[in-house]
Amino acid sequence: MALTNYEPRIAIVYASVTGNTKAVAEILQEIGLSKGMEVELWPVTDFPLSELSRYDAVLVGTYTWGSGEIPKEMHGLFEAFESSEQPGLVTAVFGTGDSFFAEFCGAVDRFRDMLFVKTDLAATLKIELAPQETDVSRCEKLMASLLKRLAVFSWKADGYRA
């Protein structure tokens, strides 16, 4: 990205009941900001779905409901991605859950499968319950994967090839 003035727009959109997924979203935002990126943090209930196409990258953070379902407040975001073809949109999905349940972070898996088809999925991250210090390095790797995809995108957009 050093060869261009490209400034990607990144959104982190999340749903959190216990605060665990929100904590991961905040860690990811802090990592992005430390890399000099503009990273907007949005609770899913406040995110304007009509603005989805304004972003170069969207990170989706979700908890899992019931037996591995996507929580109700995330349905609109899921449907917005599912109904649009945005193969150039770089995405990542992360979530927190309890491995006690049969389908650990099932909502992450459902978003992953759909985003893989509809977008340029860079990474997936599942965290057991609340984020621990060891999870920070995993968050850094997720952001590195996302930023690497954005760098390739910016080079291609400017006519360069990696």
N, C-alpha and C. Protein backbone atom coordinates (compact mmCIF):
# COMPACT_ATOMS: atom_id res chain seq x y z
N MET A 1 0.81 -1.18 0.00
CA MET A 1 0.00 0.00 0.00
C MET A 1 0.85 1.25 0.00
N ALA A 2 2.15 1.12 0.17
CA ALA A 2 3.02 2.27 0.23
C ALA A 2 3.09 3.01 -1.10
N LEU A 3 2.78 2.34 -2.20
CA LEU A 3 2.87 2.97 -3.50
C LEU A 3 1.63 3.75 -3.89
N THR A 4 0.61 3.71 -3.07
CA THR A 4 -0.63 4.39 -3.39
C THR A 4 -1.10 5.25 -2.24
N ASN A 5 -2.11 6.05 -2.50
CA ASN A 5 -2.76 6.83 -1.45
C ASN A 5 -4.02 6.14 -0.97
N TYR A 6 -4.13 4.89 -1.25
CA TYR A 6 -5.31 4.10 -0.92
C TYR A 6 -5.51 4.06 0.59
N GLU A 7 -6.69 4.46 1.04
CA GLU A 7 -7.04 4.43 2.45
C GLU A 7 -8.32 3.59 2.60
N PRO A 8 -8.16 2.30 2.89
CA PRO A 8 -9.34 1.43 2.95
C PRO A 8 -10.28 1.79 4.10
N ARG A 9 -11.55 1.61 3.85
CA ARG A 9 -12.57 1.79 4.89
C ARG A 9 -12.89 0.43 5.47
N ILE A 10 -12.75 0.31 6.77
CA ILE A 10 -12.96 -0.96 7.46
C ILE A 10 -14.04 -0.78 8.52
N ALA A 11 -14.99 -1.70 8.54
CA ALA A 11 -16.03 -1.70 9.57
C ALA A 11 -15.95 -3.02 10.34
N ILE A 12 -16.11 -2.92 11.63
CA ILE A 12 -16.29 -4.09 12.48
C ILE A 12 -17.72 -4.01 12.99
N VAL A 13 -18.53 -5.00 12.62
CA VAL A 13 -19.94 -5.03 12.98
C VAL A 13 -20.15 -6.26 13.87
N TYR A 14 -20.70 -6.06 15.05
CA TYR A 14 -20.78 -7.17 15.99
C TYR A 14 -22.10 -7.18 16.77
N ALA A 15 -22.39 -8.34 17.33
CA ALA A 15 -23.47 -8.52 18.30
C ALA A 15 -22.87 -9.22 19.51
N SER A 16 -23.26 -8.76 20.68
CA SER A 16 -22.70 -9.32 21.90
C SER A 16 -23.74 -9.25 23.02
N VAL A 17 -23.92 -10.34 23.72
CA VAL A 17 -24.85 -10.36 24.85
C VAL A 17 -24.06 -10.26 26.15
N THR A 18 -23.01 -11.05 26.28
CA THR A 18 -22.24 -11.10 27.52
C THR A 18 -21.10 -10.08 27.56
N GLY A 19 -20.79 -9.48 26.40
CA GLY A 19 -19.67 -8.56 26.31
C GLY A 19 -18.41 -9.20 25.75
N ASN A 20 -18.40 -10.52 25.60
CA ASN A 20 -17.21 -11.21 25.10
C ASN A 20 -16.92 -10.88 23.65
N THR A 21 -17.93 -10.93 22.80
CA THR A 21 -17.72 -10.63 21.37
C THR A 21 -17.38 -9.15 21.19
N LYS A 22 -17.99 -8.29 21.98
CA LYS A 22 -17.65 -6.86 21.94
C LYS A 22 -16.18 -6.66 22.32
N ALA A 23 -15.70 -7.39 23.32
CA ALA A 23 -14.30 -7.26 23.73
C ALA A 23 -13.35 -7.66 22.60
N VAL A 24 -13.69 -8.72 21.86
CA VAL A 24 -12.86 -9.13 20.72
C VAL A 24 -12.91 -8.05 19.64
N ALA A 25 -14.09 -7.50 19.38
CA ALA A 25 -14.24 -6.43 18.38
C ALA A 25 -13.36 -5.24 18.75
N GLU A 26 -13.32 -4.89 20.01
CA GLU A 26 -12.50 -3.76 20.46
C GLU A 26 -11.01 -4.05 20.32
N ILE A 27 -10.61 -5.28 20.58
CA ILE A 27 -9.21 -5.68 20.39
C ILE A 27 -8.84 -5.54 18.91
N LEU A 28 -9.71 -6.03 18.03
CA LEU A 28 -9.46 -5.96 16.59
C LEU A 28 -9.40 -4.50 16.12
N GLN A 29 -10.28 -3.66 16.63
CA GLN A 29 -10.24 -2.25 16.26
C GLN A 29 -8.93 -1.62 16.71
N GLU A 30 -8.52 -1.91 17.94
CA GLU A 30 -7.27 -1.35 18.47
C GLU A 30 -6.07 -1.78 17.61
N ILE A 31 -6.05 -3.02 17.19
CA ILE A 31 -4.97 -3.52 16.33
C ILE A 31 -4.98 -2.76 15.00
N GLY A 32 -6.15 -2.62 14.40
CA GLY A 32 -6.25 -1.90 13.14
C GLY A 32 -5.81 -0.46 13.27
N LEU A 33 -6.25 0.21 14.32
CA LEU A 33 -5.85 1.60 14.55
C LEU A 33 -4.35 1.72 14.76
N SER A 34 -3.76 0.74 15.44
CA SER A 34 -2.31 0.77 15.68
C SER A 34 -1.51 0.61 14.39
N LYS A 35 -2.16 0.06 13.35
CA LYS A 35 -1.52 -0.10 12.04
C LYS A 35 -1.81 1.11 11.14
N GLY A 36 -2.46 2.13 11.71
CA GLY A 36 -2.75 3.34 10.96
C GLY A 36 -3.98 3.26 10.08
N MET A 37 -4.82 2.25 10.31
CA MET A 37 -6.02 2.08 9.51
C MET A 37 -7.19 2.83 10.15
N GLU A 38 -8.15 3.22 9.32
CA GLU A 38 -9.40 3.79 9.81
C GLU A 38 -10.36 2.64 10.01
N VAL A 39 -10.71 2.36 11.27
CA VAL A 39 -11.55 1.21 11.60
C VAL A 39 -12.74 1.70 12.41
N GLU A 40 -13.94 1.51 11.86
CA GLU A 40 -15.17 1.90 12.54
C GLU A 40 -15.76 0.70 13.26
N LEU A 41 -16.19 0.91 14.50
CA LEU A 41 -16.79 -0.14 15.32
C LEU A 41 -18.29 0.10 15.42
N TRP A 42 -19.08 -0.90 15.04
CA TRP A 42 -20.53 -0.77 14.99
C TRP A 42 -21.23 -1.92 15.70
N PRO A 43 -22.07 -1.65 16.71
CA PRO A 43 -23.01 -2.69 17.14
C PRO A 43 -23.95 -2.95 15.96
N VAL A 44 -24.31 -4.17 15.70
CA VAL A 44 -25.11 -4.51 14.52
C VAL A 44 -26.43 -3.73 14.49
N THR A 45 -26.99 -3.44 15.65
CA THR A 45 -28.26 -2.72 15.71
C THR A 45 -28.14 -1.28 15.23
N ASP A 46 -26.92 -0.74 15.18
CA ASP A 46 -26.70 0.64 14.73
C ASP A 46 -26.12 0.72 13.32
N PHE A 47 -25.69 -0.41 12.76
CA PHE A 47 -25.02 -0.40 11.46
C PHE A 47 -26.02 -0.18 10.34
N PRO A 48 -25.77 0.82 9.48
CA PRO A 48 -26.68 1.06 8.35
C PRO A 48 -26.41 0.06 7.21
N LEU A 49 -27.26 -0.94 7.08
CA LEU A 49 -27.06 -1.99 6.08
C LEU A 49 -26.95 -1.43 4.67
N SER A 50 -27.60 -0.32 4.40
CA SER A 50 -27.54 0.29 3.07
C SER A 50 -26.15 0.84 2.76
N GLU A 51 -25.31 0.96 3.76
CA GLU A 51 -23.95 1.49 3.58
C GLU A 51 -22.90 0.40 3.42
N LEU A 52 -23.30 -0.84 3.39
CA LEU A 52 -22.37 -1.97 3.32
C LEU A 52 -21.37 -1.82 2.17
N SER A 53 -21.83 -1.37 1.03
CA SER A 53 -20.95 -1.27 -0.14
C SER A 53 -19.94 -0.12 -0.04
N ARG A 54 -20.05 0.73 0.95
CA ARG A 54 -19.09 1.82 1.14
C ARG A 54 -17.76 1.34 1.72
N TYR A 55 -17.74 0.13 2.23
CA TYR A 55 -16.56 -0.38 2.92
C TYR A 55 -15.72 -1.29 2.01
N ASP A 56 -14.42 -1.25 2.23
CA ASP A 56 -13.50 -2.15 1.54
C ASP A 56 -13.38 -3.46 2.28
N ALA A 57 -13.61 -3.42 3.60
CA ALA A 57 -13.52 -4.62 4.43
C ALA A 57 -14.54 -4.52 5.55
N VAL A 58 -15.16 -5.66 5.85
CA VAL A 58 -16.09 -5.75 6.97
C VAL A 58 -15.75 -6.98 7.78
N LEU A 59 -15.55 -6.77 9.07
CA LEU A 59 -15.34 -7.87 10.00
C LEU A 59 -16.66 -8.08 10.73
N VAL A 60 -17.13 -9.30 10.77
CA VAL A 60 -18.40 -9.64 11.40
C VAL A 60 -18.10 -10.39 12.69
N GLY A 61 -18.64 -9.89 13.80
CA GLY A 61 -18.47 -10.55 15.09
C GLY A 61 -19.81 -11.00 15.63
N THR A 62 -19.91 -12.26 15.99
CA THR A 62 -21.19 -12.79 16.46
C THR A 62 -21.01 -13.79 17.59
N TYR A 63 -21.98 -13.82 18.43
CA TYR A 63 -22.08 -14.93 19.38
C TYR A 63 -22.99 -15.97 18.72
N THR A 64 -23.13 -17.12 19.35
CA THR A 64 -24.00 -18.17 18.81
C THR A 64 -25.17 -18.36 19.73
N TRP A 65 -26.35 -18.53 19.15
CA TRP A 65 -27.58 -18.66 19.90
C TRP A 65 -28.09 -20.09 19.83
N GLY A 66 -28.62 -20.57 20.91
CA GLY A 66 -29.27 -21.88 20.93
C GLY A 66 -28.36 -23.01 20.49
N SER A 67 -28.80 -23.73 19.49
CA SER A 67 -28.06 -24.90 19.01
C SER A 67 -27.20 -24.56 17.79
N GLY A 68 -26.50 -23.44 17.84
CA GLY A 68 -25.61 -23.08 16.76
C GLY A 68 -26.19 -22.08 15.78
N GLU A 69 -27.28 -21.42 16.16
CA GLU A 69 -27.93 -20.49 15.25
C GLU A 69 -27.32 -19.09 15.31
N ILE A 70 -27.55 -18.35 14.22
CA ILE A 70 -27.19 -16.94 14.17
C ILE A 70 -28.19 -16.19 15.04
N PRO A 71 -27.71 -15.29 15.89
CA PRO A 71 -28.65 -14.55 16.73
C PRO A 71 -29.58 -13.66 15.90
N LYS A 72 -30.78 -13.45 16.41
CA LYS A 72 -31.82 -12.73 15.69
C LYS A 72 -31.34 -11.36 15.19
N GLU A 73 -30.61 -10.63 16.00
CA GLU A 73 -30.17 -9.28 15.60
C GLU A 73 -29.15 -9.29 14.46
N MET A 74 -28.58 -10.46 14.15
CA MET A 74 -27.61 -10.58 13.06
C MET A 74 -28.26 -11.00 11.74
N HIS A 75 -29.54 -11.36 11.75
CA HIS A 75 -30.21 -11.85 10.54
C HIS A 75 -30.19 -10.83 9.41
N GLY A 76 -30.43 -9.55 9.72
CA GLY A 76 -30.44 -8.52 8.68
C GLY A 76 -29.09 -8.39 8.00
N LEU A 77 -28.01 -8.43 8.78
CA LEU A 77 -26.66 -8.34 8.21
C LEU A 77 -26.37 -9.57 7.35
N PHE A 78 -26.72 -10.74 7.85
CA PHE A 78 -26.51 -11.97 7.10
C PHE A 78 -27.24 -11.88 5.75
N GLU A 79 -28.49 -11.46 5.78
CA GLU A 79 -29.29 -11.36 4.55
C GLU A 79 -28.75 -10.29 3.61
N ALA A 80 -28.21 -9.20 4.16
CA ALA A 80 -27.63 -8.15 3.32
C ALA A 80 -26.43 -8.69 2.54
N PHE A 81 -25.58 -9.44 3.21
CA PHE A 81 -24.45 -10.07 2.52
C PHE A 81 -24.94 -11.11 1.51
N GLU A 82 -25.87 -11.93 1.95
CA GLU A 82 -26.34 -13.04 1.14
C GLU A 82 -27.03 -12.56 -0.15
N SER A 83 -27.72 -11.44 -0.09
CA SER A 83 -28.45 -10.96 -1.25
C SER A 83 -27.62 -10.09 -2.18
N SER A 84 -26.37 -9.83 -1.81
CA SER A 84 -25.53 -8.99 -2.67
C SER A 84 -24.33 -9.78 -3.16
N GLU A 85 -23.90 -9.46 -4.33
CA GLU A 85 -22.68 -10.06 -4.88
C GLU A 85 -21.58 -9.02 -4.75
N GLN A 86 -20.68 -9.22 -3.82
CA GLN A 86 -19.58 -8.28 -3.60
C GLN A 86 -18.26 -9.06 -3.50
N PRO A 87 -17.85 -9.67 -4.59
CA PRO A 87 -16.64 -10.49 -4.54
C PRO A 87 -15.38 -9.70 -4.19
N GLY A 88 -15.39 -8.39 -4.36
CA GLY A 88 -14.23 -7.58 -4.01
C GLY A 88 -14.21 -7.11 -2.58
N LEU A 89 -15.30 -7.33 -1.84
CA LEU A 89 -15.36 -6.93 -0.44
C LEU A 89 -14.59 -7.94 0.40
N VAL A 90 -13.58 -7.47 1.10
CA VAL A 90 -12.79 -8.35 1.97
C VAL A 90 -13.53 -8.48 3.30
N THR A 91 -13.67 -9.71 3.76
CA THR A 91 -14.39 -9.96 5.01
C THR A 91 -13.59 -10.88 5.93
N ALA A 92 -14.01 -10.85 7.17
CA ALA A 92 -13.53 -11.80 8.18
C ALA A 92 -14.69 -12.00 9.14
N VAL A 93 -14.72 -13.13 9.79
CA VAL A 93 -15.77 -13.39 10.78
C VAL A 93 -15.11 -13.95 12.04
N PHE A 94 -15.60 -13.47 13.18
CA PHE A 94 -15.06 -13.91 14.46
C PHE A 94 -16.22 -14.07 15.43
N GLY A 95 -15.98 -14.83 16.47
CA GLY A 95 -17.02 -14.99 17.48
C GLY A 95 -16.50 -15.66 18.72
N THR A 96 -17.32 -15.57 19.74
CA THR A 96 -17.02 -16.21 21.02
C THR A 96 -18.10 -17.24 21.30
N GLY A 97 -17.73 -18.25 22.03
CA GLY A 97 -18.69 -19.28 22.36
C GLY A 97 -18.18 -20.18 23.45
N ASP A 98 -18.96 -21.17 23.76
CA ASP A 98 -18.66 -22.13 24.80
C ASP A 98 -18.57 -23.51 24.17
N SER A 99 -17.40 -24.12 24.23
CA SER A 99 -17.21 -25.42 23.59
C SER A 99 -17.98 -26.54 24.31
N PHE A 100 -18.62 -26.22 25.41
CA PHE A 100 -19.49 -27.18 26.07
C PHE A 100 -20.64 -27.59 25.14
N PHE A 101 -21.08 -26.65 24.29
CA PHE A 101 -22.19 -26.92 23.38
C PHE A 101 -21.71 -27.73 22.18
N ALA A 102 -22.62 -28.51 21.63
CA ALA A 102 -22.28 -29.42 20.53
C ALA A 102 -21.74 -28.67 19.32
N GLU A 103 -22.28 -27.50 19.01
CA GLU A 103 -21.83 -26.75 17.84
C GLU A 103 -21.15 -25.46 18.30
N PHE A 104 -19.88 -25.57 18.62
CA PHE A 104 -19.09 -24.43 19.12
C PHE A 104 -19.02 -23.33 18.07
N CYS A 105 -19.51 -22.16 18.41
CA CYS A 105 -19.50 -20.99 17.52
C CYS A 105 -20.16 -21.29 16.18
N GLY A 106 -21.30 -21.95 16.22
CA GLY A 106 -22.00 -22.32 14.99
C GLY A 106 -22.37 -21.12 14.13
N ALA A 107 -22.68 -19.99 14.74
CA ALA A 107 -23.02 -18.78 13.96
C ALA A 107 -21.82 -18.31 13.15
N VAL A 108 -20.63 -18.46 13.70
CA VAL A 108 -19.40 -18.12 12.96
C VAL A 108 -19.30 -19.00 11.72
N ASP A 109 -19.56 -20.29 11.89
CA ASP A 109 -19.50 -21.21 10.76
C ASP A 109 -20.51 -20.84 9.67
N ARG A 110 -21.71 -20.46 10.08
CA ARG A 110 -22.74 -20.11 9.10
C ARG A 110 -22.37 -18.84 8.33
N PHE A 111 -21.86 -17.84 9.05
CA PHE A 111 -21.39 -16.64 8.37
C PHE A 111 -20.20 -16.97 7.46
N ARG A 112 -19.27 -17.77 7.96
CA ARG A 112 -18.09 -18.15 7.17
C ARG A 112 -18.48 -18.77 5.84
N ASP A 113 -19.38 -19.74 5.89
CA ASP A 113 -19.78 -20.45 4.68
C ASP A 113 -20.40 -19.50 3.66
N MET A 114 -21.25 -18.59 4.12
CA MET A 114 -21.91 -17.66 3.21
C MET A 114 -20.93 -16.60 2.70
N LEU A 115 -20.09 -16.05 3.59
CA LEU A 115 -19.13 -15.02 3.18
C LEU A 115 -18.10 -15.58 2.20
N PHE A 116 -17.75 -16.83 2.35
CA PHE A 116 -16.80 -17.46 1.43
C PHE A 116 -17.32 -17.43 -0.01
N VAL A 117 -18.62 -17.60 -0.16
CA VAL A 117 -19.24 -17.62 -1.48
C VAL A 117 -19.47 -16.20 -2.00
N LYS A 118 -19.87 -15.28 -1.14
CA LYS A 118 -20.32 -13.96 -1.57
C LYS A 118 -19.26 -12.87 -1.55
N THR A 119 -18.16 -13.07 -0.82
CA THR A 119 -17.14 -12.03 -0.64
C THR A 119 -15.75 -12.64 -0.75
N ASP A 120 -14.75 -11.84 -0.45
CA ASP A 120 -13.36 -12.32 -0.38
C ASP A 120 -13.04 -12.56 1.10
N LEU A 121 -13.39 -13.73 1.60
CA LEU A 121 -13.20 -14.06 3.01
C LEU A 121 -11.72 -14.24 3.32
N ALA A 122 -11.21 -13.43 4.25
CA ALA A 122 -9.78 -13.46 4.58
C ALA A 122 -9.47 -14.36 5.77
N ALA A 123 -10.38 -14.41 6.76
CA ALA A 123 -10.04 -15.15 7.98
C ALA A 123 -11.29 -15.44 8.81
N THR A 124 -11.15 -16.44 9.67
CA THR A 124 -12.18 -16.82 10.63
C THR A 124 -11.50 -17.03 11.97
N LEU A 125 -12.16 -16.60 13.04
CA LEU A 125 -11.59 -16.74 14.38
C LEU A 125 -12.69 -17.10 15.37
N LYS A 126 -12.45 -18.17 16.14
CA LYS A 126 -13.36 -18.58 17.21
C LYS A 126 -12.60 -18.50 18.53
N ILE A 127 -13.25 -17.90 19.53
CA ILE A 127 -12.62 -17.74 20.84
C ILE A 127 -13.52 -18.37 21.91
N GLU A 128 -12.91 -19.14 22.77
CA GLU A 128 -13.61 -19.77 23.88
C GLU A 128 -13.94 -18.73 24.95
N LEU A 129 -15.24 -18.49 25.14
CA LEU A 129 -15.75 -17.56 26.15
C LEU A 129 -15.15 -16.16 25.99
N ALA A 130 -14.51 -15.64 27.04
CA ALA A 130 -13.95 -14.27 26.99
C ALA A 130 -12.54 -14.32 26.42
N PRO A 131 -12.14 -13.28 25.68
CA PRO A 131 -10.78 -13.27 25.13
C PRO A 131 -9.73 -13.22 26.24
N GLN A 132 -8.70 -14.04 26.06
CA GLN A 132 -7.57 -14.09 27.00
C GLN A 132 -6.36 -13.43 26.35
N GLU A 133 -5.31 -13.27 27.09
CA GLU A 133 -4.10 -12.65 26.55
C GLU A 133 -3.58 -13.41 25.33
N THR A 134 -3.68 -14.73 25.36
CA THR A 134 -3.22 -15.54 24.22
C THR A 134 -4.04 -15.31 22.96
N ASP A 135 -5.27 -14.81 23.12
CA ASP A 135 -6.13 -14.56 21.97
C ASP A 135 -5.75 -13.27 21.24
N VAL A 136 -5.00 -12.39 21.88
CA VAL A 136 -4.60 -11.14 21.23
C VAL A 136 -3.74 -11.45 20.01
N SER A 137 -2.82 -12.39 20.11
CA SER A 137 -1.97 -12.74 18.96
C SER A 137 -2.82 -13.36 17.85
N ARG A 138 -3.87 -14.08 18.20
CA ARG A 138 -4.77 -14.65 17.20
C ARG A 138 -5.54 -13.52 16.48
N CYS A 139 -5.92 -12.50 17.25
CA CYS A 139 -6.58 -11.33 16.66
C CYS A 139 -5.62 -10.59 15.74
N GLU A 140 -4.36 -10.51 16.13
CA GLU A 140 -3.36 -9.85 15.28
C GLU A 140 -3.21 -10.60 13.95
N LYS A 141 -3.24 -11.93 14.01
CA LYS A 141 -3.13 -12.73 12.79
C LYS A 141 -4.35 -12.52 11.89
N LEU A 142 -5.53 -12.43 12.48
CA LEU A 142 -6.73 -12.17 11.69
C LEU A 142 -6.60 -10.83 10.97
N MET A 143 -6.18 -9.79 11.70
CA MET A 143 -6.03 -8.47 11.08
C MET A 143 -4.94 -8.48 10.02
N ALA A 144 -3.86 -9.21 10.25
CA ALA A 144 -2.79 -9.29 9.26
C ALA A 144 -3.31 -9.93 7.97
N SER A 145 -4.11 -10.98 8.08
CA SER A 145 -4.70 -11.61 6.90
C SER A 145 -5.61 -10.65 6.15
N LEU A 146 -6.40 -9.92 6.91
CA LEU A 146 -7.31 -8.95 6.30
C LEU A 146 -6.54 -7.84 5.59
N LEU A 147 -5.53 -7.30 6.26
CA LEU A 147 -4.75 -6.20 5.69
C LEU A 147 -3.96 -6.67 4.47
N LYS A 148 -3.50 -7.91 4.49
CA LYS A 148 -2.80 -8.46 3.33
C LYS A 148 -3.73 -8.52 2.12
N ARG A 149 -4.96 -8.96 2.33
CA ARG A 149 -5.94 -9.00 1.24
C ARG A 149 -6.24 -7.60 0.73
N LEU A 150 -6.34 -6.64 1.65
CA LEU A 150 -6.59 -5.26 1.23
C LEU A 150 -5.42 -4.70 0.43
N ALA A 151 -4.20 -5.08 0.78
CA ALA A 151 -3.02 -4.61 0.05
C ALA A 151 -3.05 -5.14 -1.37
N VAL A 152 -3.39 -6.40 -1.54
CA VAL A 152 -3.49 -6.98 -2.88
C VAL A 152 -4.59 -6.28 -3.65
N PHE A 153 -5.72 -6.02 -3.00
CA PHE A 153 -6.83 -5.34 -3.65
C PHE A 153 -6.40 -3.95 -4.12
N SER A 154 -5.68 -3.21 -3.28
CA SER A 154 -5.29 -1.86 -3.66
C SER A 154 -4.31 -1.89 -4.82
N TRP A 155 -3.41 -2.87 -4.85
CA TRP A 155 -2.48 -2.97 -5.96
C TRP A 155 -3.22 -3.27 -7.25
N LYS A 156 -4.17 -4.20 -7.19
CA LYS A 156 -4.93 -4.56 -8.39
C LYS A 156 -5.78 -3.37 -8.86
N ALA A 157 -6.34 -2.62 -7.92
CA ALA A 157 -7.17 -1.48 -8.28
C ALA A 157 -6.35 -0.41 -8.98
N ASP A 158 -5.08 -0.30 -8.66
CA ASP A 158 -4.21 0.70 -9.26
C ASP A 158 -3.45 0.17 -10.46
N GLY A 159 -3.70 -1.06 -10.86
CA GLY A 159 -3.06 -1.62 -12.04
C GLY A 159 -1.75 -2.33 -11.75
N TYR A 160 -1.35 -2.44 -10.49
CA TYR A 160 -0.14 -3.16 -10.13
C TYR A 160 -0.47 -4.63 -9.92
N ARG A 161 0.49 -5.44 -10.01
CA ARG A 161 0.30 -6.87 -9.72
C ARG A 161 1.34 -7.30 -8.72
N ALA A 162 0.88 -8.03 -7.72
CA ALA A 162 1.78 -8.52 -6.67
C ALA A 162 2.61 -9.67 -7.20
